[in-house]
């Protein structure tokens, strides 16, 4: 047996710090399939301290895969290819690897025997086409596949390593875990990527960057360097902090210190330091304070209540909720004075305030949120354009908080941003 062509453990000769992932499959370029393998591989590589420089999806075309491979091996020390190792004519990953690395394909007799045995054990006749899966680029190391007939491939070159795995997740995942432990981990020298996700509300991306840039610019040259990425999403900003290293204790201390610096400058705009969403943070605050909440919603259509009740155990603090979409419903169900609506309009601070007060009284809770607005695409005016949302929060001892927002985007975006603002209003009140 040629041991160079069979699975084994590698000893490190240089460091792998960056990877590229290539997902092969024309079906992944349609709206019907998602490339979930790349998420799994990225997470596993990050745990080994390896950053993914980029991911790409290519069709079942040998030239396309070849071009992707040529680009990848110029940009990273490790290339992971998923899919295209099956028995049919459109499974062309082997051929592409053979062409790019200049390794002729040869049939491996042991693999051919294994494939035949698998079909025989199932009482099936093996189509000759399945022997394509026994073709191996010369010198490649094969990775056994306990859940299928397509073995994986490991190409070892002085400046790049290439790993090819079958596409079905139930086959790919255990194969990757094994190769990661025995071959990739030694090349990363025991490093990991340690992360911290800071969630911020009440500020836009540029405002957050103005405040924190002078801080995180210092972190890059610190004894334990911290990399920072700022991400904007609907109604919140996220700061992703990461440390690459071997020592978890050092990384944790560095991230803790960084988090405290951010807490000092962001104050109440800081929602969480562990990636927790607004509904989770609000739920924890309500539980800690022994308070309950209710929501009266119009334009958000129950979204605020839905998000609150997405959190396990929310029955401890969510008492009730109303979706009063029409003016008649506001009057008949919540008891809003019709003259108030006629005078100020359904989308107004006075009506939002009345919704919150009436909901709080009816539910007999500590806090109540009132939401009314124009989600679009129609219904707006020059005075109250689409995206106008009025929020009110009624709290203990007749406390009231009001906000009027002009939210951008289409209907779904307006609704979600309104729900974010409503939850953040409650969070800030609970912090007081």
Protein backbone atom coordinates (compact mmCIF):
# COMPACT_ATOMS: atom_id res chain seq x y z
CA UNK A 1 0.00 0.00 0.00
CA UNK A 2 1.29 3.44 -0.94
CA UNK A 3 0.94 5.24 2.38
CA UNK A 4 1.45 8.63 0.73
CA UNK A 5 -1.93 8.17 -0.90
CA UNK A 6 -3.90 7.26 2.18
CA UNK A 7 -5.23 9.20 5.15
CA UNK A 8 -2.77 10.03 7.92
CA UNK A 9 -1.63 12.68 10.40
CA UNK A 10 0.50 15.59 9.25
CA UNK A 11 3.14 17.47 11.21
CA UNK A 12 3.26 21.25 10.77
CA UNK A 13 5.89 22.83 8.58
CA UNK A 14 4.31 26.28 8.24
CA UNK A 15 1.28 28.19 9.45
CA UNK A 16 -2.18 28.29 7.88
CA UNK A 17 -3.88 31.57 8.78
CA UNK A 18 -6.23 32.24 5.86
CA UNK A 19 -8.57 30.08 3.81
CA UNK A 20 -10.82 30.33 0.78
CA UNK A 21 -13.98 28.26 0.39
CA UNK A 22 -15.28 27.19 -3.03
CA UNK A 23 -18.77 25.70 -3.18
CA UNK A 24 -19.35 23.74 -6.39
CA UNK A 25 -22.87 23.17 -7.71
CA UNK A 26 -25.09 24.81 -10.31
CA UNK A 27 -28.06 24.28 -7.98
CA UNK A 28 -26.42 26.70 -5.50
CA UNK A 29 -26.75 29.45 -8.10
CA UNK A 30 -30.55 29.16 -8.09
CA UNK A 31 -32.97 30.59 -5.50
CA UNK A 32 -33.90 27.07 -4.38
CA UNK A 33 -30.70 26.02 -2.58
CA UNK A 34 -28.49 27.65 0.06
CA UNK A 35 -24.78 27.02 0.56
CA UNK A 36 -24.98 25.97 4.21
CA UNK A 37 -21.71 24.00 4.00
CA UNK A 38 -19.69 27.22 3.87
CA UNK A 39 -21.20 28.36 7.17
CA UNK A 40 -20.23 25.10 8.84
CA UNK A 41 -16.70 25.16 7.39
CA UNK A 42 -16.20 28.83 8.30
CA UNK A 43 -17.22 28.23 11.90
CA UNK A 44 -14.92 25.22 12.18
CA UNK A 45 -11.97 27.07 10.62
CA UNK A 46 -12.47 30.06 12.91
CA UNK A 47 -12.27 27.75 15.91
CA UNK A 48 -8.80 26.82 14.65
CA UNK A 49 -7.72 30.44 14.32
CA UNK A 50 -8.07 30.45 10.53
CA UNK A 51 -9.85 33.38 8.89
CA UNK A 52 -11.88 32.87 5.73
CA UNK A 53 -10.70 35.45 3.22
CA UNK A 54 -13.62 34.91 0.85
CA UNK A 55 -16.16 32.36 -0.33
CA UNK A 56 -17.30 31.71 -3.87
CA UNK A 57 -19.99 29.58 -5.53
CA UNK A 58 -19.34 28.18 -9.01
CA UNK A 59 -21.35 26.11 -11.47
CA UNK A 60 -20.71 22.48 -12.42
CA UNK A 61 -18.24 23.53 -15.07
CA UNK A 62 -14.64 22.35 -15.05
CA UNK A 63 -13.27 25.63 -16.40
CA UNK A 64 -15.24 27.68 -13.83
CA UNK A 65 -13.99 25.54 -10.96
CA UNK A 66 -10.47 25.73 -12.34
CA UNK A 67 -10.54 29.53 -12.47
CA UNK A 68 -11.85 29.66 -8.90
CA UNK A 69 -9.08 27.32 -7.73
CA UNK A 70 -6.35 29.32 -9.46
CA UNK A 71 -7.55 32.49 -7.78
CA UNK A 72 -7.91 30.83 -4.38
CA UNK A 73 -4.41 29.38 -4.26
CA UNK A 74 -3.00 32.87 -4.86
CA UNK A 75 -4.90 34.33 -1.89
CA UNK A 76 -4.77 31.76 0.90
CA UNK A 77 -2.77 28.89 2.35
CA UNK A 78 -5.80 26.60 2.53
CA UNK A 79 -8.52 26.05 -0.07
CA UNK A 80 -11.63 24.08 0.85
CA UNK A 81 -13.78 22.83 -2.04
CA UNK A 82 -17.24 21.40 -1.32
CA UNK A 83 -19.30 19.39 -3.80
CA UNK A 84 -18.68 17.97 -7.23
CA UNK A 85 -17.23 14.62 -6.10
CA UNK A 86 -20.20 12.45 -7.09
CA UNK A 87 -20.34 9.83 -9.88
CA UNK A 88 -22.11 11.76 -12.65
CA UNK A 89 -20.73 13.75 -15.57
CA UNK A 90 -21.45 17.07 -13.87
CA UNK A 91 -19.27 16.13 -10.86
CA UNK A 92 -16.08 17.76 -12.08
CA UNK A 93 -14.16 18.76 -8.95
CA UNK A 94 -11.60 15.95 -9.38
CA UNK A 95 -10.92 16.96 -12.98
CA UNK A 96 -10.54 20.63 -12.05
CA UNK A 97 -8.09 19.81 -9.23
CA UNK A 98 -6.17 17.51 -11.57
CA UNK A 99 -5.86 20.26 -14.20
CA UNK A 100 -4.91 23.10 -11.83
CA UNK A 101 -2.33 21.14 -9.82
CA UNK A 102 -1.02 19.16 -12.81
CA UNK A 103 -1.83 15.80 -11.21
CA UNK A 104 -3.14 13.13 -13.63
CA UNK A 105 -6.17 11.15 -12.47
CA UNK A 106 -5.57 7.50 -11.64
CA UNK A 107 -7.99 4.84 -10.43
CA UNK A 108 -7.28 3.75 -6.86
CA UNK A 109 -7.91 0.01 -6.63
CA UNK A 110 -8.66 0.05 -2.88
CA UNK A 111 -11.29 2.75 -3.33
CA UNK A 112 -12.85 0.85 -6.25
CA UNK A 113 -13.13 -2.26 -4.07
CA UNK A 114 -14.70 -0.23 -1.25
CA UNK A 115 -17.32 1.28 -3.57
CA UNK A 116 -18.22 -2.14 -5.00
CA UNK A 117 -18.52 -3.55 -1.48
CA UNK A 118 -20.88 -0.77 -0.43
CA UNK A 119 -23.25 -1.52 -3.30
CA UNK A 120 -23.03 -5.27 -2.67
CA UNK A 121 -23.82 -4.81 1.03
CA UNK A 122 -26.99 -2.95 0.03
CA UNK A 123 -27.98 -5.63 -2.47
CA UNK A 124 -27.61 -3.23 -5.40
CA UNK A 125 -25.90 -3.54 -8.74
CA UNK A 126 -23.19 -0.90 -9.07
CA UNK A 127 -23.38 1.26 -12.21
CA UNK A 128 -19.98 1.54 -13.89
CA UNK A 129 -20.21 5.32 -13.61
CA UNK A 130 -19.65 5.06 -9.86
CA UNK A 131 -16.02 4.11 -10.48
CA UNK A 132 -15.45 7.79 -11.30
CA UNK A 133 -15.33 8.24 -7.54
CA UNK A 134 -12.24 6.01 -7.40
CA UNK A 135 -10.29 8.43 -9.61
CA UNK A 136 -7.65 10.22 -7.58
CA UNK A 137 -5.20 12.97 -8.59
CA UNK A 138 -1.73 11.42 -8.41
CA UNK A 139 -0.23 11.90 -4.95
CA UNK A 140 -3.48 13.08 -3.35
CA UNK A 141 -4.42 11.70 0.06
CA UNK A 142 -7.91 10.23 0.25
CA UNK A 143 -10.26 10.92 3.15
CA UNK A 144 -12.61 8.05 3.99
CA UNK A 145 -16.33 8.71 3.76
CA UNK A 146 -18.26 6.59 6.26
CA UNK A 147 -21.64 7.86 5.03
CA UNK A 148 -21.27 7.75 1.27
CA UNK A 149 -19.27 6.50 -1.68
CA UNK A 150 -17.29 9.66 -2.52
CA UNK A 151 -13.98 9.95 -0.62
CA UNK A 152 -12.53 13.36 0.06
CA UNK A 153 -9.18 14.58 -1.24
CA UNK A 154 -6.22 16.33 0.42
CA UNK A 155 -3.63 17.97 -1.84
CA UNK A 156 -0.43 18.97 -0.04
CA UNK A 157 1.77 21.56 -1.72
CA UNK A 158 4.58 23.66 -0.20
CA UNK A 159 2.61 26.90 -0.41
CA UNK A 160 -1.01 25.73 -0.31
CA UNK A 161 -3.17 22.88 0.97
CA UNK A 162 -6.37 21.93 -0.87
CA UNK A 163 -9.20 19.98 0.75
CA UNK A 164 -12.09 18.65 -1.38
CA UNK A 165 -15.17 17.18 0.30
CA UNK A 166 -18.52 15.84 -0.98
CA UNK A 167 -21.49 18.19 -0.88
CA UNK A 168 -24.10 16.37 1.27
CA UNK A 169 -23.78 17.88 4.77
CA UNK A 170 -24.26 14.51 6.52
CA UNK A 171 -21.14 13.30 4.69
CA UNK A 172 -19.12 16.51 4.71
CA UNK A 173 -19.42 17.44 8.38
CA UNK A 174 -17.92 14.32 10.03
CA UNK A 175 -15.25 14.15 7.33
CA UNK A 176 -14.27 17.77 7.91
CA UNK A 177 -14.18 17.34 11.68
CA UNK A 178 -11.74 14.45 11.29
CA UNK A 179 -9.46 16.16 8.79
CA UNK A 180 -9.58 19.37 10.85
CA UNK A 181 -8.35 17.57 13.94
CA UNK A 182 -5.62 15.53 12.26
CA UNK A 183 -4.37 17.76 9.44
CA UNK A 184 -5.59 21.36 9.70
CA UNK A 185 -5.27 21.94 13.46
CA UNK A 186 -1.51 21.17 13.51
CA UNK A 187 -1.04 23.72 10.71
CA UNK A 188 -2.74 26.42 12.81
CA UNK A 189 -0.44 25.77 15.82
CA UNK A 190 -3.30 25.52 18.29
CA UNK A 191 -4.68 28.99 17.63
CA UNK A 192 -8.33 30.00 17.84
CA UNK A 193 -10.37 33.08 17.00
CA UNK A 194 -11.99 34.51 20.13
CA UNK A 195 -14.92 36.84 19.46
CA UNK A 196 -17.11 39.39 21.19
CA UNK A 197 -20.23 40.93 19.60
CA UNK A 198 -21.29 44.36 20.89
CA UNK A 199 -24.86 45.41 20.01
CA UNK A 200 -25.69 49.13 19.91
CA UNK A 201 -29.03 50.90 19.44
CA UNK A 202 -29.98 54.54 19.06
CA UNK A 203 -27.05 55.52 16.82
CA UNK A 204 -26.27 55.17 13.12
CA UNK A 205 -23.12 53.58 11.75
CA UNK A 206 -21.14 56.77 11.18
CA UNK A 207 -22.00 58.08 14.65
CA UNK A 208 -20.78 54.86 16.26
CA UNK A 209 -17.62 54.89 14.16
CA UNK A 210 -16.84 58.49 15.15
CA UNK A 211 -17.02 57.55 18.82
CA UNK A 212 -15.22 54.21 18.81
CA UNK A 213 -12.66 54.60 16.00
CA UNK A 214 -10.11 56.40 18.21
CA UNK A 215 -10.43 53.52 20.66
CA UNK A 216 -10.22 50.51 18.39
CA UNK A 217 -7.45 52.05 16.27
CA UNK A 218 -5.23 51.63 19.37
CA UNK A 219 -6.21 47.99 19.74
CA UNK A 220 -4.54 46.97 16.47
CA UNK A 221 -1.07 47.62 17.92
CA UNK A 222 -1.81 46.39 21.45
CA UNK A 223 0.20 43.47 22.95
CA UNK A 224 -2.89 41.33 22.23
CA UNK A 225 -4.18 42.86 18.96
CA UNK A 226 -7.93 43.15 18.50
CA UNK A 227 -9.53 43.31 15.08
CA UNK A 228 -12.80 45.22 14.76
CA UNK A 229 -15.60 45.07 12.21
CA UNK A 230 -18.60 47.42 12.30
CA UNK A 231 -21.88 46.15 10.82
CA UNK A 232 -25.12 48.05 10.31
CA UNK A 233 -28.47 46.29 10.35
CA UNK A 234 -32.06 47.39 10.80
CA UNK A 235 -32.34 49.48 13.93
CA UNK A 236 -28.99 48.53 15.42
CA UNK A 237 -25.22 48.51 14.92
CA UNK A 238 -22.91 45.62 15.75
CA UNK A 239 -19.22 45.79 16.61
CA UNK A 240 -17.46 42.45 16.12
CA UNK A 241 -14.22 42.19 18.10
CA UNK A 242 -11.84 39.29 17.47
CA UNK A 243 -8.52 38.09 18.81
CA UNK A 244 -6.46 35.38 17.13
CA UNK A 245 -4.23 33.48 19.52
CA UNK A 246 -3.44 30.37 21.52
CA UNK A 247 -4.08 31.69 25.00
CA UNK A 248 -7.79 31.91 25.81
CA UNK A 249 -7.12 33.70 29.09
CA UNK A 250 -5.13 36.50 27.44
CA UNK A 251 -7.74 36.88 24.72
CA UNK A 252 -10.59 37.03 27.25
CA UNK A 253 -8.83 39.70 29.32
CA UNK A 254 -8.13 41.79 26.22
CA UNK A 255 -11.74 41.52 25.05
CA UNK A 256 -13.07 42.29 28.53
CA UNK A 257 -10.97 45.46 28.72
CA UNK A 258 -12.07 46.48 25.22
CA UNK A 259 -15.70 45.89 26.13
CA UNK A 260 -15.43 48.10 29.21
CA UNK A 261 -13.90 50.90 27.14
CA UNK A 262 -16.86 50.72 24.78
CA UNK A 263 -19.32 50.59 27.65
CA UNK A 264 -17.87 53.85 29.02
CA UNK A 265 -18.24 55.83 25.79
CA UNK A 266 -21.48 54.28 24.51
CA UNK A 267 -23.31 54.35 27.86
CA UNK A 268 -27.02 53.47 27.44
CA UNK A 269 -26.66 53.03 23.68
CA UNK A 270 -24.87 49.76 24.40
CA UNK A 271 -27.49 46.98 24.31
CA UNK A 272 -25.37 43.88 24.94
CA UNK A 273 -21.77 42.66 24.94
CA UNK A 274 -22.55 39.05 24.01
CA UNK A 275 -24.56 39.53 20.82
CA UNK A 276 -27.90 39.28 22.63
CA UNK A 277 -30.80 40.88 20.75
CA UNK A 278 -33.06 43.60 22.10
CA UNK A 279 -35.91 41.23 22.94
CA UNK A 280 -33.56 39.05 25.00
CA UNK A 281 -32.09 42.03 26.86
CA UNK A 282 -35.52 43.54 27.53
CA UNK A 283 -36.78 40.18 28.78
CA UNK A 284 -33.87 39.88 31.21
CA UNK A 285 -34.42 43.41 32.52
CA UNK A 286 -38.14 42.79 33.04
CA UNK A 287 -37.39 39.58 34.92
CA UNK A 288 -34.71 41.21 37.06
CA UNK A 289 -37.09 43.99 38.06
CA UNK A 290 -40.15 41.78 38.47
CA UNK A 291 -42.09 43.84 35.90
CA UNK A 292 -44.66 42.97 33.25
CA UNK A 293 -45.40 44.57 29.88
CA UNK A 294 -48.16 44.76 27.32
CA UNK A 295 -48.23 46.15 23.78
CA UNK A 296 -50.91 47.88 21.73
CA UNK A 297 -49.87 47.83 18.07
CA UNK A 298 -51.18 49.21 14.84
CA UNK A 299 -48.63 49.45 12.00
CA UNK A 300 -46.35 46.72 13.39
CA UNK A 301 -49.22 44.22 13.33
CA UNK A 302 -48.12 42.29 16.42
CA UNK A 303 -44.41 42.21 15.60
CA UNK A 304 -43.33 43.79 18.91
CA UNK A 305 -45.35 41.26 20.91
CA UNK A 306 -44.11 38.44 18.69
CA UNK A 307 -40.48 39.37 19.32
CA UNK A 308 -41.03 39.63 23.05
CA UNK A 309 -42.66 36.19 23.12
CA UNK A 310 -39.93 34.63 20.95
CA UNK A 311 -37.85 34.52 24.15
CA UNK A 312 -38.31 31.34 26.22
CA UNK A 313 -39.94 32.10 29.57
CA UNK A 314 -41.55 35.31 28.33
CA UNK A 315 -44.88 34.34 29.92
CA UNK A 316 -43.34 35.63 33.16
CA UNK A 317 -43.39 39.21 31.89
CA UNK A 318 -45.71 39.45 28.84
CA UNK A 319 -49.28 39.76 30.15
CA UNK A 320 -51.32 40.51 27.02
CA UNK A 321 -51.26 42.30 23.68
CA UNK A 322 -53.55 44.00 21.19
CA UNK A 323 -53.35 44.52 17.43
CA UNK A 324 -55.74 47.43 16.80
CA UNK A 325 -55.19 48.08 13.13
CA UNK A 326 -58.24 50.13 12.21
CA UNK A 327 -59.52 53.29 13.86
CA UNK A 328 -62.69 51.46 14.87
CA UNK A 329 -60.63 48.79 16.61
CA UNK A 330 -58.72 51.45 18.53
CA UNK A 331 -62.02 52.91 19.70
CA UNK A 332 -64.01 49.73 20.32
CA UNK A 333 -61.30 47.47 21.74
CA UNK A 334 -58.98 49.87 23.55
CA UNK A 335 -61.46 52.62 24.27
CA UNK A 336 -59.55 55.40 22.51
CA UNK A 337 -61.61 58.58 22.23
CA UNK A 338 -62.71 58.87 18.59
CA UNK A 339 -62.50 62.68 18.82
CA UNK A 340 -58.78 62.33 19.69
CA UNK A 341 -58.21 60.36 16.48
CA UNK A 342 -60.24 62.85 14.42
CA UNK A 343 -58.33 65.80 15.86
CA UNK A 344 -54.76 64.47 15.64
CA UNK A 345 -55.01 61.53 13.23
CA UNK A 346 -54.43 57.87 14.05
CA UNK A 347 -50.69 58.34 13.48
CA UNK A 348 -49.86 60.88 16.17
CA UNK A 349 -48.20 61.13 19.54
CA UNK A 350 -51.50 61.71 21.39
CA UNK A 351 -53.05 58.55 19.93
CA UNK A 352 -49.93 56.46 20.59
CA UNK A 353 -49.95 57.78 24.16
CA UNK A 354 -53.64 56.94 24.61
CA UNK A 355 -53.01 53.42 23.25
CA UNK A 356 -50.21 52.86 25.78
CA UNK A 357 -52.23 54.24 28.71
CA UNK A 358 -55.36 52.27 27.89
CA UNK A 359 -53.39 49.05 27.33
CA UNK A 360 -51.57 49.46 30.64
CA UNK A 361 -54.81 50.02 32.51
CA UNK A 362 -56.56 47.06 30.88
CA UNK A 363 -53.66 44.61 31.34
CA UNK A 364 -52.79 45.89 34.82
CA UNK A 365 -49.04 45.80 34.15
CA UNK A 366 -46.04 48.00 34.87
CA UNK A 367 -45.28 49.05 31.30
CA UNK A 368 -47.26 49.37 28.09
CA UNK A 369 -46.08 50.24 24.58
CA UNK A 370 -48.26 51.99 21.99
CA UNK A 371 -47.22 51.87 18.32
CA UNK A 372 -48.98 53.56 15.41
CA UNK A 373 -47.60 54.54 12.02
CA UNK A 374 -47.64 54.39 8.23
CA UNK A 375 -45.73 51.34 6.95
CA UNK A 376 -46.57 51.98 3.29
CA UNK A 377 -46.38 51.77 0.43
CA UNK A 378 -49.51 53.94 0.43
CA UNK A 379 -51.21 56.08 3.03
CA UNK A 380 -48.59 58.76 3.41
CA UNK A 381 -48.90 62.52 3.01
CA UNK A 382 -46.59 65.52 2.91
CA UNK A 383 -47.19 66.05 6.63
CA UNK A 384 -46.96 62.37 7.53
CA UNK A 385 -44.98 60.51 4.84
CA UNK A 386 -44.61 56.74 4.63
CA UNK A 387 -42.30 55.67 7.44
CA UNK A 388 -43.81 58.02 10.03
CA UNK A 389 -44.16 56.07 13.29
CA UNK A 390 -45.27 57.33 16.70
CA UNK A 391 -44.30 55.41 19.82
CA UNK A 392 -45.33 55.85 23.40
CA UNK A 393 -44.38 54.03 26.57
CA UNK A 394 -46.47 54.25 29.74
CA UNK A 395 -44.73 53.26 32.96
CA UNK A 396 -45.19 53.26 36.74
CA UNK A 397 -46.18 56.47 38.52
CA UNK A 398 -47.70 57.87 35.30
CA UNK A 399 -44.34 58.09 33.57
CA UNK A 400 -44.61 58.63 29.80
CA UNK A 401 -42.03 58.50 27.02
CA UNK A 402 -42.88 59.50 23.41
CA UNK A 403 -41.00 59.27 20.12
CA UNK A 404 -41.82 60.26 16.56
CA UNK A 405 -39.75 58.55 13.85
CA UNK A 406 -39.29 58.90 10.10
CA UNK A 407 -38.11 55.45 9.05
CA UNK A 408 -36.70 54.66 5.61
CA UNK A 409 -37.37 51.63 3.45
CA UNK A 410 -40.21 49.47 2.28
CA UNK A 411 -43.04 48.11 4.41
CA UNK A 412 -41.22 45.23 6.10
CA UNK A 413 -38.22 47.40 6.95
CA UNK A 414 -40.41 50.11 8.46
CA UNK A 415 -42.23 47.57 10.62
CA UNK A 416 -39.03 45.97 11.89
CA UNK A 417 -37.31 49.29 12.63
CA UNK A 418 -40.42 50.41 14.51
CA UNK A 419 -40.30 47.25 16.61
CA UNK A 420 -36.61 47.88 17.32
CA UNK A 421 -37.31 51.43 18.44
CA UNK A 422 -40.20 50.30 20.65
CA UNK A 423 -38.11 47.63 22.39
CA UNK A 424 -35.21 50.04 22.80
CA UNK A 425 -37.50 52.63 24.37
CA UNK A 426 -38.60 50.05 26.93
CA UNK A 427 -34.98 48.97 27.54
CA UNK A 428 -33.87 52.52 28.30
CA UNK A 429 -36.81 53.10 30.63
CA UNK A 430 -35.98 49.91 32.54
CA UNK A 431 -32.36 51.04 32.89
CA UNK A 432 -33.52 54.27 34.52
